[in-house]
Amino acid sequence: MPTLLRIGAFRFYFYSHEPNEPPHVHVDRGDATIKIWLESLEVAKSRGFRAHEIGGIVAMVEQNRTAFMEAWHEYFG
């Protein structure tokens, strides 16, 4: 599972066994995790993050979306 970026306590990554799903990124902080679709920036699923934190996480993904998409396509082809 390649780590794409770390910002503070947040780790942004994708799993290497998910090539059949649309591009997305997972974000963890401790036991909390969230999965965000890169094209729409919609939350696919979330566990452990509070509602008021999710907007900030989505904003971080949006700021790095181009690099995340490039990494996704480079890895999965």
C-alpha atoms as a PDB file:
ATOM      1  CA  MET A   1       0.000   0.000   0.000  1.00  0.00           C
ATOM      2  CA  PRO A   2       1.942   2.986  -1.315  1.00  0.00           C
ATOM      3  CA  THR A   3       2.000   6.045   0.913  1.00  0.00           C
ATOM      4  CA  LEU A   4       1.503   9.139  -1.215  1.00  0.00           C
ATOM      5  CA  LEU A   5       1.818  11.900   1.356  1.00  0.00           C
ATOM      6  CA  ARG A   6       1.939  12.663   5.059  1.00  0.00           C
ATOM      7  CA  ILE A   7       0.554  15.878   6.493  1.00  0.00           C
ATOM      8  CA  GLY A   8       0.917  16.055  10.254  1.00  0.00           C
ATOM      9  CA  ALA A   9      -0.746  12.939  11.651  1.00  0.00           C
ATOM     10  CA  PHE A  10      -2.568  12.185   8.373  1.00  0.00           C
ATOM     11  CA  ARG A  11      -1.319   9.496   5.990  1.00  0.00           C
ATOM     12  CA  PHE A  12      -2.619   9.484   2.394  1.00  0.00           C
ATOM     13  CA  TYR A  13      -2.310   6.200   0.506  1.00  0.00           C
ATOM     14  CA  PHE A  14      -3.995   3.664  -1.736  1.00  0.00           C
ATOM     15  CA  TYR A  15      -4.112  -0.110  -1.627  1.00  0.00           C
ATOM     16  CA  SER A  16      -2.241  -1.942  -4.350  1.00  0.00           C
ATOM     17  CA  HIS A  17      -5.103  -4.453  -4.813  1.00  0.00           C
ATOM     18  CA  GLU A  18      -7.843  -1.990  -5.841  1.00  0.00           C
ATOM     19  CA  PRO A  19      -7.158  -1.376  -9.562  1.00  0.00           C
ATOM     20  CA  ASN A  20     -10.764  -2.061 -10.618  1.00  0.00           C
ATOM     21  CA  GLU A  21     -12.192   0.805  -8.579  1.00  0.00           C
ATOM     22  CA  PRO A  22     -12.229   4.439  -9.708  1.00  0.00           C
ATOM     23  CA  PRO A  23      -9.229   6.477  -8.525  1.00  0.00           C
ATOM     24  CA  HIS A  24      -9.446   7.175  -4.818  1.00  0.00           C
ATOM     25  CA  VAL A  25      -7.298   7.781  -1.788  1.00  0.00           C
ATOM     26  CA  HIS A  26      -7.447   6.490   1.765  1.00  0.00           C
ATOM     27  CA  VAL A  27      -6.552   8.797   4.642  1.00  0.00           C
ATOM     28  CA  ASP A  28      -5.736   7.545   8.130  1.00  0.00           C
ATOM     29  CA  ARG A  29      -5.043   9.244  11.412  1.00  0.00           C
ATOM     30  CA  GLY A  30      -4.631   6.809  14.248  1.00  0.00           C
ATOM     31  CA  ASP A  31      -7.602   4.428  14.131  1.00  0.00           C
ATOM     32  CA  ALA A  32      -9.730   6.793  12.034  1.00  0.00           C
ATOM     33  CA  THR A  33      -9.943   6.204   8.269  1.00  0.00           C
ATOM     34  CA  ILE A  34     -11.694   7.716   5.277  1.00  0.00           C
ATOM     35  CA  LYS A  35     -11.866   6.824   1.573  1.00  0.00           C
ATOM     36  CA  ILE A  36     -12.368   9.646  -0.941  1.00  0.00           C
ATOM     37  CA  TRP A  37     -13.058   9.369  -4.677  1.00  0.00           C
ATOM     38  CA  LEU A  38     -10.549  11.588  -6.463  1.00  0.00           C
ATOM     39  CA  GLU A  39     -12.691  12.713  -9.394  1.00  0.00           C
ATOM     40  CA  SER A  40     -15.771  13.804  -7.450  1.00  0.00           C
ATOM     41  CA  LEU A  41     -14.123  14.361  -4.047  1.00  0.00           C
ATOM     42  CA  GLU A  42     -17.015  12.462  -2.491  1.00  0.00           C
ATOM     43  CA  VAL A  43     -16.521  10.425   0.656  1.00  0.00           C
ATOM     44  CA  ALA A  44     -16.926   6.740  -0.153  1.00  0.00           C
ATOM     45  CA  LYS A  45     -16.735   5.682   3.490  1.00  0.00           C
ATOM     46  CA  SER A  46     -15.497   7.020   6.775  1.00  0.00           C
ATOM     47  CA  ARG A  47     -14.928   5.592  10.220  1.00  0.00           C
ATOM     48  CA  GLY A  48     -13.690   7.450  13.269  1.00  0.00           C
ATOM     49  CA  PHE A  49     -13.486  10.987  11.925  1.00  0.00           C
ATOM     50  CA  ARG A  50     -15.899  13.545  13.285  1.00  0.00           C
ATOM     51  CA  ALA A  51     -18.208  15.294  10.846  1.00  0.00           C
ATOM     52  CA  HIS A  52     -16.442  18.640  11.286  1.00  0.00           C
ATOM     53  CA  GLU A  53     -13.053  17.065  10.399  1.00  0.00           C
ATOM     54  CA  ILE A  54     -14.158  15.560   7.096  1.00  0.00           C
ATOM     55  CA  GLY A  55     -14.351  18.867   5.211  1.00  0.00           C
ATOM     56  CA  GLY A  56     -10.739  19.650   6.097  1.00  0.00           C
ATOM     57  CA  ILE A  57      -9.597  16.214   4.970  1.00  0.00           C
ATOM     58  CA  VAL A  58     -11.456  16.571   1.667  1.00  0.00           C
ATOM     59  CA  ALA A  59      -9.795  19.989   1.222  1.00  0.00           C
ATOM     60  CA  MET A  60      -6.344  18.421   1.714  1.00  0.00           C
ATOM     61  CA  VAL A  61      -7.190  15.777  -0.879  1.00  0.00           C
ATOM     62  CA  GLU A  62      -8.411  18.465  -3.271  1.00  0.00           C
ATOM     63  CA  GLN A  63      -5.169  20.419  -2.864  1.00  0.00           C
ATOM     64  CA  ASN A  64      -3.168  17.318  -3.773  1.00  0.00           C
ATOM     65  CA  ARG A  65      -5.605  15.708  -6.203  1.00  0.00           C
ATOM     66  CA  THR A  66      -3.420  16.156  -9.308  1.00  0.00           C
ATOM     67  CA  ALA A  67      -0.445  14.417  -7.683  1.00  0.00           C
ATOM     68  CA  PHE A  68      -2.695  11.659  -6.312  1.00  0.00           C
ATOM     69  CA  MET A  69      -4.265  11.062  -9.741  1.00  0.00           C
ATOM     70  CA  GLU A  70      -0.835  10.934 -11.381  1.00  0.00           C
ATOM     71  CA  ALA A  71       0.378   8.434  -8.773  1.00  0.00           C
ATOM     72  CA  TRP A  72      -2.769   6.323  -9.251  1.00  0.00           C
ATOM     73  CA  HIS A  73      -2.388   6.151 -13.027  1.00  0.00           C
ATOM     74  CA  GLU A  74       1.345   5.554 -12.816  1.00  0.00           C
ATOM     75  CA  TYR A  75       0.840   2.667 -10.403  1.00  0.00           C
ATOM     76  CA  PHE A  76      -2.179   0.996 -12.008  1.00  0.00           C
ATOM     77  CA  GLY A  77      -1.499   2.005 -15.620  1.00  0.00           C
END
